């Protein structure tokens, strides 16, 4: 049960990070706000840019 909570929190933080990036916040600001590692935020940012190029 605890594993599900952790996974759900991570998913919620990831969704929040995507919204903050869409609002124009820097990867560093998003990492600080969501407490996710900067590398994950940068990966989200890069994958988002690829989606918009299609």
PDB file of N, CA and C in Angstrom:
ATOM      1  N   UNK A   1       0.820  -1.187   0.000  1.00  0.00           N
ATOM      2  CA  UNK A   1       0.000   0.000   0.000  1.00  0.00           C
ATOM      3  C   UNK A   1       0.873   1.262   0.000  1.00  0.00           C
ATOM      4  N   UNK A   2       1.932   1.247   0.791  1.00  0.00           N
ATOM      5  CA  UNK A   2       2.830   2.408   0.866  1.00  0.00           C
ATOM      6  C   UNK A   2       3.480   2.677  -0.489  1.00  0.00           C
ATOM      7  N   UNK A   3       3.837   1.602  -1.197  1.00  0.00           N
ATOM      8  CA  UNK A   3       4.458   1.768  -2.517  1.00  0.00           C
ATOM      9  C   UNK A   3       3.516   2.493  -3.471  1.00  0.00           C
ATOM     10  N   UNK A   4       2.235   2.208  -3.383  1.00  0.00           N
ATOM     11  CA  UNK A   4       1.249   2.887  -4.225  1.00  0.00           C
ATOM     12  C   UNK A   4       1.153   4.363  -3.905  1.00  0.00           C
ATOM     13  N   UNK A   5       1.269   4.700  -2.644  1.00  0.00           N
ATOM     14  CA  UNK A   5       1.222   6.119  -2.248  1.00  0.00           C
ATOM     15  C   UNK A   5       2.435   6.868  -2.789  1.00  0.00           C
ATOM     16  N   UNK A   6       3.584   6.244  -2.675  1.00  0.00           N
ATOM     17  CA  UNK A   6       4.813   6.880  -3.167  1.00  0.00           C
ATOM     18  C   UNK A   6       4.725   7.071  -4.672  1.00  0.00           C
ATOM     19  N   UNK A   7       4.256   6.045  -5.366  1.00  0.00           N
ATOM     20  CA  UNK A   7       4.130   6.145  -6.823  1.00  0.00           C
ATOM     21  C   UNK A   7       3.121   7.217  -7.217  1.00  0.00           C
ATOM     22  N   UNK A   8       2.011   7.302  -6.494  1.00  0.00           N
ATOM     23  CA  UNK A   8       1.006   8.324  -6.766  1.00  0.00           C
ATOM     24  C   UNK A   8       1.535   9.724  -6.521  1.00  0.00           C
ATOM     25  N   UNK A   9       2.313   9.895  -5.472  1.00  0.00           N
ATOM     26  CA  UNK A   9       2.898  11.210  -5.173  1.00  0.00           C
ATOM     27  C   UNK A   9       3.881  11.612  -6.266  1.00  0.00           C
ATOM     28  N   UNK A  10       4.684  10.651  -6.711  1.00  0.00           N
ATOM     29  CA  UNK A  10       5.647  10.939  -7.781  1.00  0.00           C
ATOM     30  C   UNK A  10       4.913  11.342  -9.058  1.00  0.00           C
ATOM     31  N   UNK A  11       3.834  10.632  -9.374  1.00  0.00           N
ATOM     32  CA  UNK A  11       3.060  10.954 -10.572  1.00  0.00           C
ATOM     33  C   UNK A  11       2.441  12.346 -10.465  1.00  0.00           C
ATOM     34  N   UNK A  12       1.917  12.678  -9.305  1.00  0.00           N
ATOM     35  CA  UNK A  12       1.332  14.004  -9.099  1.00  0.00           C
ATOM     36  C   UNK A  12       2.395  15.085  -9.224  1.00  0.00           C
ATOM     37  N   UNK A  13       3.571  14.862  -8.657  1.00  0.00           N
ATOM     38  CA  UNK A  13       4.658  15.834  -8.767  1.00  0.00           C
ATOM     39  C   UNK A  13       5.107  15.994 -10.218  1.00  0.00           C
ATOM     40  N   UNK A  14       5.112  14.895 -10.960  1.00  0.00           N
ATOM     41  CA  UNK A  14       5.500  14.961 -12.368  1.00  0.00           C
ATOM     42  C   UNK A  14       4.495  15.785 -13.161  1.00  0.00           C
ATOM     43  N   UNK A  15       3.219  15.577 -12.899  1.00  0.00           N
ATOM     44  CA  UNK A  15       2.189  16.366 -13.588  1.00  0.00           C
ATOM     45  C   UNK A  15       2.294  17.842 -13.221  1.00  0.00           C
ATOM     46  N   UNK A  16       2.546  18.125 -11.962  1.00  0.00           N
ATOM     47  CA  UNK A  16       2.734  19.511 -11.528  1.00  0.00           C
ATOM     48  C   UNK A  16       3.943  20.119 -12.225  1.00  0.00           C
ATOM     49  N   UNK A  17       5.013  19.346 -12.327  1.00  0.00           N
ATOM     50  CA  UNK A  17       6.226  19.830 -12.991  1.00  0.00           C
ATOM     51  C   UNK A  17       5.933  20.182 -14.445  1.00  0.00           C
ATOM     52  N   UNK A  18       5.169  19.358 -15.119  1.00  0.00           N
ATOM     53  CA  UNK A  18       4.836  19.638 -16.517  1.00  0.00           C
ATOM     54  C   UNK A  18       4.048  20.935 -16.644  1.00  0.00           C
ATOM     55  N   UNK A  19       3.114  21.165 -15.726  1.00  0.00           N
ATOM     56  CA  UNK A  19       2.340  22.414 -15.761  1.00  0.00           C
ATOM     57  C   UNK A  19       3.226  23.620 -15.487  1.00  0.00           C
ATOM     58  N   UNK A  20       4.133  23.498 -14.518  1.00  0.00           N
ATOM     59  CA  UNK A  20       5.031  24.615 -14.201  1.00  0.00           C
ATOM     60  C   UNK A  20       5.963  24.924 -15.368  1.00  0.00           C
ATOM     61  N   UNK A  21       6.450  23.887 -16.031  1.00  0.00           N
ATOM     62  CA  UNK A  21       7.289  24.111 -17.217  1.00  0.00           C
ATOM     63  C   UNK A  21       6.492  24.817 -18.310  1.00  0.00           C
ATOM     64  N   UNK A  22       5.235  24.420 -18.473  1.00  0.00           N
ATOM     65  CA  UNK A  22       4.380  25.054 -19.485  1.00  0.00           C
ATOM     66  C   UNK A  22       4.126  26.527 -19.166  1.00  0.00           C
ATOM     67  N   UNK A  23       4.185  26.862 -17.866  1.00  0.00           N
ATOM     68  CA  UNK A  23       3.991  28.256 -17.456  1.00  0.00           C
ATOM     69  C   UNK A  23       5.258  29.084 -17.642  1.00  0.00           C
ATOM     70  N   UNK A  24       6.354  28.415 -18.009  1.00  0.00           N
ATOM     71  CA  UNK A  24       7.575  29.148 -18.295  1.00  0.00           C
ATOM     72  C   UNK A  24       8.600  29.160 -17.177  1.00  0.00           C
ATOM     73  N   UNK A  25       8.382  28.418 -16.106  1.00  0.00           N
ATOM     74  CA  UNK A  25       9.374  28.364 -15.041  1.00  0.00           C
ATOM     75  C   UNK A  25      10.597  27.590 -15.515  1.00  0.00           C
ATOM     76  N   UNK A  26      11.734  27.915 -14.969  1.00  0.00           N
ATOM     77  CA  UNK A  26      12.967  27.216 -15.334  1.00  0.00           C
ATOM     78  C   UNK A  26      12.968  25.822 -14.712  1.00  0.00           C
ATOM     79  N   UNK A  27      13.787  24.946 -15.264  1.00  0.00           N
ATOM     80  CA  UNK A  27      13.902  23.588 -14.744  1.00  0.00           C
ATOM     81  C   UNK A  27      14.347  23.612 -13.281  1.00  0.00           C
ATOM     82  N   UNK A  28      15.226  24.527 -12.942  1.00  0.00           N
ATOM     83  CA  UNK A  28      15.709  24.627 -11.573  1.00  0.00           C
ATOM     84  C   UNK A  28      14.582  25.033 -10.618  1.00  0.00           C
ATOM     85  N   UNK A  29      13.754  25.977 -11.037  1.00  0.00           N
ATOM     86  CA  UNK A  29      12.631  26.408 -10.213  1.00  0.00           C
ATOM     87  C   UNK A  29      11.631  25.276 -10.019  1.00  0.00           C
ATOM     88  N   UNK A  30      11.370  24.545 -11.087  1.00  0.00           N
ATOM     89  CA  UNK A  30      10.413  23.436 -11.023  1.00  0.00           C
ATOM     90  C   UNK A  30      10.945  22.333 -10.113  1.00  0.00           C
ATOM     91  N   UNK A  31      12.225  22.031 -10.214  1.00  0.00           N
ATOM     92  CA  UNK A  31      12.827  21.006  -9.364  1.00  0.00           C
ATOM     93  C   UNK A  31      12.710  21.396  -7.892  1.00  0.00           C
ATOM     94  N   UNK A  32      12.932  22.647  -7.614  1.00  0.00           N
ATOM     95  CA  UNK A  32      12.843  23.115  -6.233  1.00  0.00           C
ATOM     96  C   UNK A  32      11.394  23.055  -5.734  1.00  0.00           C
ATOM     97  N   UNK A  33      10.447  23.449  -6.567  1.00  0.00           N
ATOM     98  CA  UNK A  33       9.043  23.470  -6.162  1.00  0.00           C
ATOM     99  C   UNK A  33       8.463  22.073  -5.981  1.00  0.00           C
ATOM    100  N   UNK A  34       8.865  21.134  -6.817  1.00  0.00           N
ATOM    101  CA  UNK A  34       8.287  19.791  -6.774  1.00  0.00           C
ATOM    102  C   UNK A  34       9.129  18.802  -5.976  1.00  0.00           C
ATOM    103  N   UNK A  35      10.339  19.185  -5.644  1.00  0.00           N
ATOM    104  CA  UNK A  35      11.300  18.319  -4.955  1.00  0.00           C
ATOM    105  C   UNK A  35      11.643  17.081  -5.783  1.00  0.00           C
ATOM    106  N   UNK A  36      11.525  17.197  -7.098  1.00  0.00           N
ATOM    107  CA  UNK A  36      11.968  16.141  -8.008  1.00  0.00           C
ATOM    108  C   UNK A  36      13.400  16.452  -8.427  1.00  0.00           C
ATOM    109  N   UNK A  37      14.182  15.431  -8.735  1.00  0.00           N
ATOM    110  CA  UNK A  37      15.553  15.670  -9.187  1.00  0.00           C
ATOM    111  C   UNK A  37      15.574  16.507 -10.474  1.00  0.00           C
ATOM    112  N   UNK A  38      16.552  17.369 -10.566  1.00  0.00           N
ATOM    113  CA  UNK A  38      16.690  18.247 -11.721  1.00  0.00           C
ATOM    114  C   UNK A  38      16.760  17.450 -13.018  1.00  0.00           C
ATOM    115  N   UNK A  39      17.399  16.303 -12.992  1.00  0.00           N
ATOM    116  CA  UNK A  39      17.521  15.478 -14.195  1.00  0.00           C
ATOM    117  C   UNK A  39      16.146  15.043 -14.716  1.00  0.00           C
ATOM    118  N   UNK A  40      15.239  14.714 -13.829  1.00  0.00           N
ATOM    119  CA  UNK A  40      13.886  14.331 -14.245  1.00  0.00           C
ATOM    120  C   UNK A  40      13.177  15.521 -14.884  1.00  0.00           C
ATOM    121  N   UNK A  41      13.331  16.686 -14.283  1.00  0.00           N
ATOM    122  CA  UNK A  41      12.700  17.896 -14.824  1.00  0.00           C
ATOM    123  C   UNK A  41      13.249  18.193 -16.214  1.00  0.00           C
ATOM    124  N   UNK A  42      14.558  18.079 -16.372  1.00  0.00           N
ATOM    125  CA  UNK A  42      15.158  18.333 -17.689  1.00  0.00           C
ATOM    126  C   UNK A  42      14.652  17.335 -18.714  1.00  0.00           C
ATOM    127  N   UNK A  43      14.475  16.072 -18.315  1.00  0.00           N
ATOM    128  CA  UNK A  43      13.927  15.072 -19.233  1.00  0.00           C
ATOM    129  C   UNK A  43      12.492  15.418 -19.624  1.00  0.00           C
ATOM    130  N   UNK A  44      11.703  15.887 -18.674  1.00  0.00           N
ATOM    131  CA  UNK A  44      10.330  16.309 -18.982  1.00  0.00           C
ATOM    132  C   UNK A  44      10.344  17.477 -19.955  1.00  0.00           C
ATOM    133  N   UNK A  45      11.239  18.415 -19.708  1.00  0.00           N
ATOM    134  CA  UNK A  45      11.344  19.592 -20.569  1.00  0.00           C
ATOM    135  C   UNK A  45      11.747  19.200 -21.983  1.00  0.00           C
ATOM    136  N   UNK A  46      12.709  18.310 -22.104  1.00  0.00           N
ATOM    137  CA  UNK A  46      13.164  17.864 -23.420  1.00  0.00           C
ATOM    138  C   UNK A  46      12.098  17.071 -24.148  1.00  0.00           C
ATOM    139  N   UNK A  47      11.383  16.203 -23.454  1.00  0.00           N
ATOM    140  CA  UNK A  47      10.355  15.399 -24.105  1.00  0.00           C
ATOM    141  C   UNK A  47       9.194  16.285 -24.542  1.00  0.00           C
ATOM    142  N   UNK A  48       8.930  17.323 -23.784  1.00  0.00           N
ATOM    143  CA  UNK A  48       7.862  18.255 -24.153  1.00  0.00           C
ATOM    144  C   UNK A  48       8.225  19.019 -25.428  1.00  0.00           C
ATOM    145  N   UNK A  49       9.486  19.419 -25.551  1.00  0.00           N
ATOM    146  CA  UNK A  49       9.927  20.133 -26.744  1.00  0.00           C
ATOM    147  C   UNK A  49       9.811  19.241 -27.967  1.00  0.00           C
ATOM    148  N   UNK A  50      10.100  17.976 -27.828  1.00  0.00           N
ATOM    149  CA  UNK A  50       9.986  17.050 -28.951  1.00  0.00           C
ATOM    150  C   UNK A  50       8.532  16.905 -29.393  1.00  0.00           C
ATOM    151  N   UNK A  51       7.598  16.900 -28.462  1.00  0.00           N
ATOM    152  CA  UNK A  51       6.176  16.781 -28.803  1.00  0.00           C
ATOM    153  C   UNK A  51       5.726  17.971 -29.626  1.00  0.00           C
ATOM    154  N   UNK A  52       6.212  19.164 -29.302  1.00  0.00           N
ATOM    155  CA  UNK A  52       5.776  20.355 -30.008  1.00  0.00           C
ATOM    156  C   UNK A  52       6.403  20.480 -31.399  1.00  0.00           C
ATOM    157  N   UNK A  53       7.495  19.789 -31.641  1.00  0.00           N
ATOM    158  CA  UNK A  53       8.146  19.849 -32.946  1.00  0.00           C
ATOM    159  C   UNK A  53       7.447  18.998 -33.983  1.00  0.00           C
ATOM    160  N   UNK A  54       6.627  18.039 -33.550  1.00  0.00           N
ATOM    161  CA  UNK A  54       5.969  17.119 -34.480  1.00  0.00           C
ATOM    162  C   UNK A  54       4.939  17.799 -35.316  1.00  0.00           C
TER     163      UNK A  54
END
